[in-house]
Amino acid sequence: MDLLQFLLDKNNIFIVAVAVISGVMLAIPALRRGRAGSAVSTGEAIQMVNQRQAVWVDVRPAEQFQAGHIAQARNVPAADLEQKAASLPKNKPLVVVCDNGRDSARAAAKLRAQGFADVVPLEGGMRAWSAASLPVTQKG
């Protein structure tokens, strides 16, 4: 029996369909992650800071930043990113933080376009940080 006959046999068509659908469902999250610029979880971001001296870059407006942010984060509002990117270190990884994870992906792409090689958005932004009960400070 050749492969085509096996695939088209009415007893096997269900198994083949399940295998194809399963493969597609497994591939979808990986494809989405690739487009988003491979966001990192709060745990992965903390490891980057602790092990590789990554720098937190908070792209929220100054008012939101002052209301509460990750300790040691630098506030570079998304609107000012092109002008203020030069103040960021190019020799360290950057973890970009926004409110919910959407703006940080765009900001990370802008930083990569300006020559920053190791830039990742924080998945879920400050909402994910707070949901994980991680510390927030209001000090400058």
Protein backbone atom coordinates (compact mmCIF):
# COMPACT_ATOMS: atom_id res chain seq x y z
CA MET A 1 0.00 0.00 0.00
CA ASP A 2 1.50 3.31 -0.94
CA LEU A 3 1.31 6.54 1.06
CA LEU A 4 -1.47 8.14 -1.02
CA GLN A 5 -3.73 5.14 -0.61
CA PHE A 6 -3.04 5.14 3.14
CA LEU A 7 -3.86 8.85 3.46
CA LEU A 8 -7.07 8.59 1.44
CA ASP A 9 -8.35 5.39 3.05
CA LYS A 10 -11.62 6.26 4.80
CA ASN A 11 -10.44 4.57 7.99
CA ASN A 12 -7.30 6.71 8.15
CA ILE A 13 -8.61 10.09 6.97
CA PHE A 14 -9.77 11.01 10.51
CA ILE A 15 -6.33 10.27 11.96
CA VAL A 16 -4.64 12.33 9.26
CA ALA A 17 -7.06 15.24 9.84
CA VAL A 18 -6.41 15.20 13.59
CA ALA A 19 -2.65 15.17 13.00
CA VAL A 20 -2.83 18.15 10.60
CA ILE A 21 -5.11 20.19 12.90
CA SER A 22 -2.89 19.44 15.91
CA GLY A 23 0.19 20.60 14.02
CA VAL A 24 -1.46 23.86 13.01
CA MET A 25 -2.64 24.52 16.58
CA LEU A 26 0.88 23.94 17.90
CA ALA A 27 2.39 26.28 15.31
CA ILE A 28 0.06 29.25 15.90
CA PRO A 29 1.52 30.40 19.28
CA ALA A 30 5.08 30.14 17.95
CA LEU A 31 4.19 32.25 14.92
CA ARG A 32 2.49 34.90 17.07
CA ARG A 33 5.49 35.07 19.40
CA GLY A 34 7.83 35.62 16.45
CA ARG A 35 5.82 38.59 15.23
CA ALA A 36 5.61 40.15 18.71
CA GLY A 37 9.39 40.28 18.97
CA SER A 38 9.66 37.38 21.39
CA ALA A 39 8.35 38.98 24.56
CA VAL A 40 9.71 37.66 27.85
CA SER A 41 7.78 36.73 30.99
CA THR A 42 8.31 38.55 34.27
CA GLY A 43 10.50 35.69 35.51
CA GLU A 44 12.65 35.67 32.38
CA ALA A 45 13.02 39.47 32.57
CA ILE A 46 14.14 39.30 36.21
CA GLN A 47 16.74 36.66 35.26
CA MET A 48 18.01 38.92 32.45
CA VAL A 49 18.45 41.79 34.92
CA ASN A 50 20.10 39.64 37.59
CA GLN A 51 22.36 37.54 35.35
CA ARG A 52 23.07 39.81 32.37
CA GLN A 53 22.64 43.30 33.89
CA ALA A 54 19.70 44.08 31.61
CA VAL A 55 18.20 47.56 31.89
CA TRP A 56 14.47 48.22 32.41
CA VAL A 57 13.14 50.78 29.92
CA ASP A 58 9.64 51.99 30.85
CA VAL A 59 7.98 53.60 27.82
CA ARG A 60 4.81 54.75 29.59
CA PRO A 61 4.07 58.48 29.95
CA ALA A 62 5.84 60.19 32.88
CA GLU A 63 2.60 60.45 34.91
CA GLN A 64 2.03 56.67 34.78
CA PHE A 65 5.71 56.02 35.53
CA GLN A 66 5.62 58.27 38.61
CA ALA A 67 2.46 56.55 39.87
CA GLY A 68 4.43 53.28 40.13
CA HIS A 69 7.20 51.50 38.25
CA ILE A 70 9.78 48.72 38.48
CA ALA A 71 12.71 49.74 40.69
CA GLN A 72 15.75 50.88 38.68
CA ALA A 73 13.61 51.39 35.53
CA ARG A 74 14.45 54.29 33.25
CA ASN A 75 11.48 56.28 31.98
CA VAL A 76 11.75 56.97 28.26
CA PRO A 77 8.18 57.71 27.09
CA ALA A 78 7.32 56.10 23.75
CA ALA A 79 6.66 59.54 22.25
CA ASP A 80 10.26 60.58 23.05
CA LEU A 81 11.94 57.27 22.21
CA GLU A 82 13.73 58.36 19.01
CA GLN A 83 15.22 61.46 20.67
CA LYS A 84 16.17 59.83 23.99
CA ALA A 85 17.35 56.41 22.77
CA ALA A 86 20.95 57.65 22.76
CA SER A 87 20.83 57.79 26.59
CA LEU A 88 20.36 54.01 26.75
CA PRO A 89 23.30 51.57 26.88
CA LYS A 90 23.92 49.62 23.67
CA ASN A 91 26.18 47.10 25.44
CA LYS A 92 23.45 45.73 27.76
CA PRO A 93 20.16 43.94 27.10
CA LEU A 94 17.05 46.13 27.35
CA VAL A 95 13.70 44.99 28.75
CA VAL A 96 10.99 47.34 27.48
CA VAL A 97 7.96 47.84 29.74
CA CYS A 98 4.61 49.48 29.00
CA ASP A 99 1.16 49.23 30.58
CA ASN A 100 -0.13 46.02 28.97
CA GLY A 101 2.59 44.70 26.64
CA ARG A 102 1.37 46.15 23.34
CA ASP A 103 3.32 49.43 23.19
CA SER A 104 6.53 47.77 24.39
CA ALA A 105 6.66 45.49 21.33
CA ARG A 106 6.52 48.53 19.02
CA ALA A 107 9.08 50.39 21.14
CA ALA A 108 11.41 47.36 21.10
CA ALA A 109 11.19 47.26 17.29
CA LYS A 110 12.07 50.98 17.12
CA LEU A 111 15.09 50.44 19.39
CA ARG A 112 16.28 47.49 17.29
CA ALA A 113 16.01 49.71 14.21
CA GLN A 114 18.29 52.23 15.98
CA GLY A 115 21.00 49.61 16.49
CA PHE A 116 20.15 48.10 19.87
CA ALA A 117 20.78 44.39 19.38
CA ASP A 118 19.33 42.79 22.52
CA VAL A 119 15.88 44.29 23.15
CA VAL A 120 12.80 42.42 24.39
CA PRO A 121 9.35 43.57 25.47
CA LEU A 122 7.94 42.48 28.84
CA GLU A 123 4.98 40.22 28.13
CA GLY A 124 1.86 41.77 29.67
CA GLY A 125 3.70 44.91 30.78
CA MET A 126 3.13 46.47 34.20
CA ARG A 127 -0.23 44.70 34.48
CA ALA A 128 1.53 41.32 34.38
CA TRP A 129 4.18 42.63 36.81
CA SER A 130 1.51 43.73 39.29
CA ALA A 131 -0.55 40.56 38.77
CA ALA A 132 2.54 38.56 39.79
CA SER A 133 2.69 40.65 43.01
CA LEU A 134 6.15 41.93 42.14
CA PRO A 135 7.42 45.13 43.80
CA VAL A 136 6.60 48.57 42.43
CA THR A 137 8.24 51.80 43.56
CA GLN A 138 7.42 55.49 43.21
CA LYS A 139 10.96 56.73 43.77
CA GLY A 140 12.68 58.45 40.86
